[in-house]
C-alpha atoms as a PDB file:
ATOM      1  CA  SER A   1       0.000   0.000   0.000  1.00  0.00           C
ATOM      2  CA  SER A   2       2.879   2.391   0.685  1.00  0.00           C
ATOM      3  CA  LEU A   3       4.197   1.941  -2.862  1.00  0.00           C
ATOM      4  CA  SER A   4       0.863   2.903  -4.372  1.00  0.00           C
ATOM      5  CA  ASP A   5       0.823   6.023  -2.164  1.00  0.00           C
ATOM      6  CA  ASP A   6       4.361   6.951  -3.328  1.00  0.00           C
ATOM      7  CA  GLN A   7       5.630   6.850   0.236  1.00  0.00           C
ATOM      8  CA  VAL A   8       8.717   5.191   1.584  1.00  0.00           C
ATOM      9  CA  PRO A   9       8.049   3.027   4.658  1.00  0.00           C
ATOM     10  CA  GLU A  10       9.282   4.621   7.883  1.00  0.00           C
ATOM     11  CA  ALA A  11      11.063   1.451   9.009  1.00  0.00           C
ATOM     12  CA  PHE A  12      13.043   1.449   5.763  1.00  0.00           C
ATOM     13  CA  LEU A  13      14.049   5.102   6.200  1.00  0.00           C
ATOM     14  CA  VAL A  14      15.158   4.512   9.778  1.00  0.00           C
ATOM     15  CA  MET A  15      17.207   1.476   8.726  1.00  0.00           C
ATOM     16  CA  LEU A  16      18.772   3.435   5.862  1.00  0.00           C
ATOM     17  CA  LEU A  17      19.778   6.361   8.083  1.00  0.00           C
ATOM     18  CA  ILE A  18      21.177   4.067  10.757  1.00  0.00           C
ATOM     19  CA  GLN A  19      23.075   2.078   8.127  1.00  0.00           C
ATOM     20  CA  PHE A  20      24.595   5.269   6.729  1.00  0.00           C
ATOM     21  CA  SER A  21      25.534   6.448  10.226  1.00  0.00           C
ATOM     22  CA  THR A  22      27.227   3.148  11.058  1.00  0.00           C
ATOM     23  CA  MET A  23      29.257   3.379   7.847  1.00  0.00           C
ATOM     24  CA  VAL A  24      30.464   6.868   8.791  1.00  0.00           C
ATOM     25  CA  VAL A  25      31.366   5.790  12.346  1.00  0.00           C
ATOM     26  CA  ASP A  26      33.133   2.669  11.047  1.00  0.00           C
ATOM     27  CA  ARG A  27      35.177   4.764   8.602  1.00  0.00           C
ATOM     28  CA  ALA A  28      36.094   7.238  11.353  1.00  0.00           C
ATOM     29  CA  LEU A  29      37.273   4.432  13.640  1.00  0.00           C
ATOM     30  CA  TYR A  30      39.263   2.943  10.756  1.00  0.00           C
ATOM     31  CA  LEU A  31      40.994   6.214   9.914  1.00  0.00           C
ATOM     32  CA  ARG A  32      41.781   6.854  13.580  1.00  0.00           C
ATOM     33  CA  LYS A  33      43.012   3.238  13.980  1.00  0.00           C
ATOM     34  CA  THR A  34      41.017   2.824  17.192  1.00  0.00           C
ATOM     35  CA  VAL A  35      40.779  -0.952  17.650  1.00  0.00           C
ATOM     36  CA  LEU A  36      39.261  -0.712  21.131  1.00  0.00           C
ATOM     37  CA  GLY A  37      36.671   1.750  19.819  1.00  0.00           C
ATOM     38  CA  LYS A  38      35.914  -0.638  16.965  1.00  0.00           C
ATOM     39  CA  LEU A  39      35.414  -3.485  19.442  1.00  0.00           C
ATOM     40  CA  ALA A  40      32.998  -1.445  21.562  1.00  0.00           C
ATOM     41  CA  PHE A  41      31.188  -0.267  18.426  1.00  0.00           C
ATOM     42  CA  GLN A  42      30.815  -3.846  17.164  1.00  0.00           C
ATOM     43  CA  VAL A  43      29.428  -5.108  20.488  1.00  0.00           C
ATOM     44  CA  VAL A  44      26.825  -2.323  20.535  1.00  0.00           C
ATOM     45  CA  LEU A  45      26.049  -2.914  16.856  1.00  0.00           C
ATOM     46  CA  VAL A  46      25.600  -6.689  17.271  1.00  0.00           C
ATOM     47  CA  LEU A  47      23.211  -6.162  20.179  1.00  0.00           C
ATOM     48  CA  ALA A  48      21.303  -3.412  18.363  1.00  0.00           C
ATOM     49  CA  ILE A  49      20.994  -5.396  15.108  1.00  0.00           C
ATOM     50  CA  HIS A  50      19.653  -8.451  16.906  1.00  0.00           C
ATOM     51  CA  LEU A  51      17.227  -6.376  18.948  1.00  0.00           C
ATOM     52  CA  TRP A  52      16.043  -4.661  15.757  1.00  0.00           C
ATOM     53  CA  MET A  53      15.786  -7.775  13.576  1.00  0.00           C
ATOM     54  CA  PHE A  54      14.115 -10.116  16.062  1.00  0.00           C
ATOM     55  CA  PHE A  55      11.973  -7.805  18.193  1.00  0.00           C
ATOM     56  CA  ILE A  56      11.405  -4.285  16.844  1.00  0.00           C
ATOM     57  CA  LEU A  57      11.087  -4.950  13.083  1.00  0.00           C
ATOM     58  CA  PRO A  58       8.598  -7.835  13.498  1.00  0.00           C
ATOM     59  CA  ALA A  59       6.502  -5.628  15.796  1.00  0.00           C
ATOM     60  CA  VAL A  60       6.528  -2.738  13.298  1.00  0.00           C
ATOM     61  CA  THR A  61       5.942  -4.769  10.118  1.00  0.00           C
ATOM     62  CA  GLU A  62       3.810  -7.490  11.750  1.00  0.00           C
ATOM     63  CA  ARG A  63       5.918 -10.126   9.944  1.00  0.00           C
ATOM     64  CA  MET A  64       8.153 -12.582  11.737  1.00  0.00           C
ATOM     65  CA  PHE A  65      11.837 -12.674  10.786  1.00  0.00           C
ATOM     66  CA  ASN A  66      11.541 -16.110   9.162  1.00  0.00           C
ATOM     67  CA  GLN A  67       8.808 -14.763   6.837  1.00  0.00           C
ATOM     68  CA  ASN A  68      10.746 -11.644   5.778  1.00  0.00           C
ATOM     69  CA  VAL A  69      13.142 -12.565   2.944  1.00  0.00           C
ATOM     70  CA  VAL A  70      14.548  -9.036   2.590  1.00  0.00           C
ATOM     71  CA  ALA A  71      15.348  -8.888   6.309  1.00  0.00           C
ATOM     72  CA  GLN A  72      16.999 -12.317   6.097  1.00  0.00           C
ATOM     73  CA  LEU A  73      19.177 -11.191   3.173  1.00  0.00           C
ATOM     74  CA  TRP A  74      20.149  -7.984   4.987  1.00  0.00           C
ATOM     75  CA  TYR A  75      20.932  -9.991   8.126  1.00  0.00           C
ATOM     76  CA  PHE A  76      23.121 -12.374   6.097  1.00  0.00           C
ATOM     77  CA  VAL A  77      25.113  -9.439   4.684  1.00  0.00           C
ATOM     78  CA  LYS A  78      25.432  -7.982   8.191  1.00  0.00           C
ATOM     79  CA  CYS A  79      26.757 -11.321   9.491  1.00  0.00           C
ATOM     80  CA  ILE A  80      29.454 -11.266   6.794  1.00  0.00           C
ATOM     81  CA  TYR A  81      30.276  -7.701   7.844  1.00  0.00           C
ATOM     82  CA  PHE A  82      30.505  -8.792  11.497  1.00  0.00           C
ATOM     83  CA  ALA A  83      32.841 -11.653  10.578  1.00  0.00           C
ATOM     84  CA  LEU A  84      35.126  -9.360   8.573  1.00  0.00           C
ATOM     85  CA  SER A  85      35.053  -6.772  11.367  1.00  0.00           C
ATOM     86  CA  ALA A  86      35.988  -9.425  13.927  1.00  0.00           C
ATOM     87  CA  TYR A  87      38.933 -10.425  11.742  1.00  0.00           C
ATOM     88  CA  GLN A  88      39.937  -6.766  11.456  1.00  0.00           C
ATOM     89  CA  ILE A  89      39.758  -6.327  15.242  1.00  0.00           C
ATOM     90  CA  ARG A  90      41.799  -9.495  15.760  1.00  0.00           C
ATOM     91  CA  CYS A  91      44.531  -8.519  13.286  1.00  0.00           C
ATOM     92  CA  GLY A  92      44.522  -4.781  13.984  1.00  0.00           C
ATOM     93  CA  TYR A  93      44.545  -1.940  11.516  1.00  0.00           C
ATOM     94  CA  PRO A  94      47.279  -1.610   8.904  1.00  0.00           C
ATOM     95  CA  THR A  95      49.954   1.030   9.489  1.00  0.00           C
ATOM     96  CA  ARG A  96      49.312   2.715   6.140  1.00  0.00           C
ATOM     97  CA  ILE A  97      45.627   3.117   5.384  1.00  0.00           C
ATOM     98  CA  LEU A  98      45.426   5.961   2.898  1.00  0.00           C
ATOM     99  CA  GLY A  99      44.520   5.280  -0.694  1.00  0.00           C
ATOM    100  CA  ASN A 100      41.827   3.247  -2.319  1.00  0.00           C
ATOM    101  CA  PHE A 101      42.118  -0.552  -2.283  1.00  0.00           C
ATOM    102  CA  LEU A 102      40.977  -0.604  -5.924  1.00  0.00           C
ATOM    103  CA  THR A 103      44.066   1.358  -6.992  1.00  0.00           C
ATOM    104  CA  LYS A 104      46.645  -1.160  -5.778  1.00  0.00           C
ATOM    105  CA  LYS A 105      46.837  -3.028  -9.106  1.00  0.00           C
ATOM    106  CA  TYR A 106      46.669  -1.582 -12.602  1.00  0.00           C
ATOM    107  CA  ASN A 107      44.331  -3.739 -14.671  1.00  0.00           C
ATOM    108  CA  HIS A 108      40.982  -3.578 -16.466  1.00  0.00           C
ATOM    109  CA  LEU A 109      38.954  -4.959 -13.559  1.00  0.00           C
ATOM    110  CA  ASN A 110      40.301  -2.466 -11.024  1.00  0.00           C
ATOM    111  CA  LEU A 111      39.855   0.380 -13.512  1.00  0.00           C
ATOM    112  CA  PHE A 112      36.255  -0.669 -14.202  1.00  0.00           C
ATOM    113  CA  LEU A 113      35.428  -0.963 -10.480  1.00  0.00           C
ATOM    114  CA  PHE A 114      37.177   2.326  -9.686  1.00  0.00           C
ATOM    115  CA  GLN A 115      35.272   4.149 -12.428  1.00  0.00           C
ATOM    116  CA  GLY A 116      32.030   2.637 -11.097  1.00  0.00           C
ATOM    117  CA  PHE A 117      32.927   3.884  -7.616  1.00  0.00           C
ATOM    118  CA  ARG A 118      33.531   7.370  -9.020  1.00  0.00           C
ATOM    119  CA  LEU A 119      30.176   7.371 -10.837  1.00  0.00           C
ATOM    120  CA  VAL A 120      28.126   7.014  -7.641  1.00  0.00           C
ATOM    121  CA  PRO A 121      26.898  10.536  -6.820  1.00  0.00           C
ATOM    122  CA  PHE A 122      28.638  12.175  -3.850  1.00  0.00           C
ATOM    123  CA  LEU A 123      30.455   8.981  -2.821  1.00  0.00           C
ATOM    124  CA  VAL A 124      33.908  10.218  -3.855  1.00  0.00           C
ATOM    125  CA  GLU A 125      33.330  13.569  -2.172  1.00  0.00           C
ATOM    126  CA  LEU A 126      31.953  11.959   0.992  1.00  0.00           C
ATOM    127  CA  ARG A 127      34.927   9.609   1.242  1.00  0.00           C
ATOM    128  CA  ALA A 128      37.386  12.463   0.636  1.00  0.00           C
ATOM    129  CA  VAL A 129      35.765  14.695   3.266  1.00  0.00           C
ATOM    130  CA  MET A 130      35.699  11.871   5.832  1.00  0.00           C
ATOM    131  CA  ASP A 131      39.347  11.059   5.094  1.00  0.00           C
ATOM    132  CA  TRP A 132      40.280  14.730   5.470  1.00  0.00           C
ATOM    133  CA  VAL A 133      38.350  15.171   8.726  1.00  0.00           C
ATOM    134  CA  TRP A 134      39.802  12.121  10.478  1.00  0.00           C
ATOM    135  CA  THR A 135      43.347  12.214   9.091  1.00  0.00           C
ATOM    136  CA  ASP A 136      45.994  14.414  10.675  1.00  0.00           C
ATOM    137  CA  THR A 137      47.000  16.729   7.839  1.00  0.00           C
ATOM    138  CA  THR A 138      48.016  20.309   7.203  1.00  0.00           C
ATOM    139  CA  LEU A 139      46.218  20.410   3.856  1.00  0.00           C
ATOM    140  CA  SER A 140      43.082  22.437   3.417  1.00  0.00           C
ATOM    141  CA  LEU A 141      39.985  20.608   2.202  1.00  0.00           C
ATOM    142  CA  SER A 142      40.348  22.009  -1.322  1.00  0.00           C
ATOM    143  CA  SER A 143      44.004  20.922  -1.451  1.00  0.00           C
ATOM    144  CA  TRP A 144      43.027  17.469  -0.167  1.00  0.00           C
ATOM    145  CA  MET A 145      40.386  17.193  -2.920  1.00  0.00           C
ATOM    146  CA  CYS A 146      42.996  18.216  -5.523  1.00  0.00           C
ATOM    147  CA  VAL A 147      45.394  15.532  -4.274  1.00  0.00           C
ATOM    148  CA  GLU A 148      42.587  12.935  -4.414  1.00  0.00           C
ATOM    149  CA  ASP A 149      41.772  14.006  -7.986  1.00  0.00           C
ATOM    150  CA  ILE A 150      45.428  13.828  -9.030  1.00  0.00           C
ATOM    151  CA  TYR A 151      45.716  10.372  -7.446  1.00  0.00           C
ATOM    152  CA  ALA A 152      42.639   9.177  -9.362  1.00  0.00           C
ATOM    153  CA  ASN A 153      43.894  10.588 -12.668  1.00  0.00           C
ATOM    154  CA  ILE A 154      47.326   9.014 -12.209  1.00  0.00           C
ATOM    155  CA  PHE A 155      45.687   5.652 -11.515  1.00  0.00           C
ATOM    156  CA  ILE A 156      43.595   5.912 -14.700  1.00  0.00           C
ATOM    157  CA  ILE A 157      46.673   6.859 -16.751  1.00  0.00           C
ATOM    158  CA  LYS A 158      48.731   3.999 -15.256  1.00  0.00           C
ATOM    159  CA  CYS A 159      45.970   1.540 -16.154  1.00  0.00           C
ATOM    160  CA  SER A 160      45.986   2.884 -19.720  1.00  0.00           C
ATOM    161  CA  ARG A 161      49.776   2.541 -19.923  1.00  0.00           C
ATOM    162  CA  GLU A 162      49.648  -1.041 -18.624  1.00  0.00           C
ATOM    163  CA  THR A 163      47.053  -1.886 -21.271  1.00  0.00           C
ATOM    164  CA  GLU A 164      49.194  -0.262 -23.974  1.00  0.00           C
ATOM    165  CA  LYS A 165      52.278  -2.134 -22.758  1.00  0.00           C
ATOM    166  CA  ILE A 166      50.480  -5.487 -22.881  1.00  0.00           C
ATOM    167  CA  HIS A 167      49.003  -4.688 -26.304  1.00  0.00           C
ATOM    168  CA  TRP A 168      52.419  -3.556 -27.611  1.00  0.00           C
ATOM    169  CA  LEU A 169      54.095  -6.763 -26.387  1.00  0.00           C
ATOM    170  CA  GLU A 170      51.421  -8.860 -28.103  1.00  0.00           C
ATOM    171  CA  MET A 171      51.869  -6.926 -31.356  1.00  0.00           C
ATOM    172  CA  THR A 172      55.670  -7.305 -31.154  1.00  0.00           C
ATOM    173  CA  GLU A 173      55.342 -11.069 -30.693  1.00  0.00           C
ATOM    174  CA  LEU A 174      53.002 -11.275 -33.699  1.00  0.00           C
ATOM    175  CA  GLU A 175      55.430  -9.263 -35.850  1.00  0.00           C
ATOM    176  CA  GLU A 176      58.371 -11.468 -34.814  1.00  0.00           C
ATOM    177  CA  PHE A 177      56.325 -14.579 -35.609  1.00  0.00           C
ATOM    178  CA  SER A 178      55.381 -13.307 -39.077  1.00  0.00           C
ATOM    179  CA  VAL A 179      58.997 -12.289 -39.876  1.00  0.00           C
ATOM    180  CA  PHE A 180      60.460 -15.638 -38.863  1.00  0.00           C
ATOM    181  CA  SER A 181      57.694 -17.766 -40.361  1.00  0.00           C
ATOM    182  CA  GLY A 182      57.812 -16.004 -43.717  1.00  0.00           C
ATOM    183  CA  CYS A 183      54.191 -14.818 -43.704  1.00  0.00           C
END
């Protein structure tokens, strides 16, 4: 009925805002390398998620958890997140955390995923602002954004050069083959 009225369900909006907030807090803890803070955050989050999924959401939607496929899928993704977070807490944060994990290798897949990341509206800007806020730096925000843009452009150019290098090596091998085979 809410779709026919062009209204978004309130429970969905609350979940979306809380999800966004948890992502921001998680990023802040990551950039500050606060493992103890991450542990406390995860304990609170695990308790809150279970309270929400098994008590509050069924009361609001009048559907039990085992009858709500969307909630089950979301819960499954959250469990994967909790497992990865537990591993991160156990191993600690890396010493160098700046940069995008997609820009570590220069290939077509990373370029495609990086370009997809950059196409999402406001995601690049949000990530850059969060990185600037929680990283100790003397750069102004505009300078930080310029550095991020330069970093992205260099990555794109390096991917192009790697592709050209591979293509050039393949063409050279074909030319050598045709010269020696008499074709």
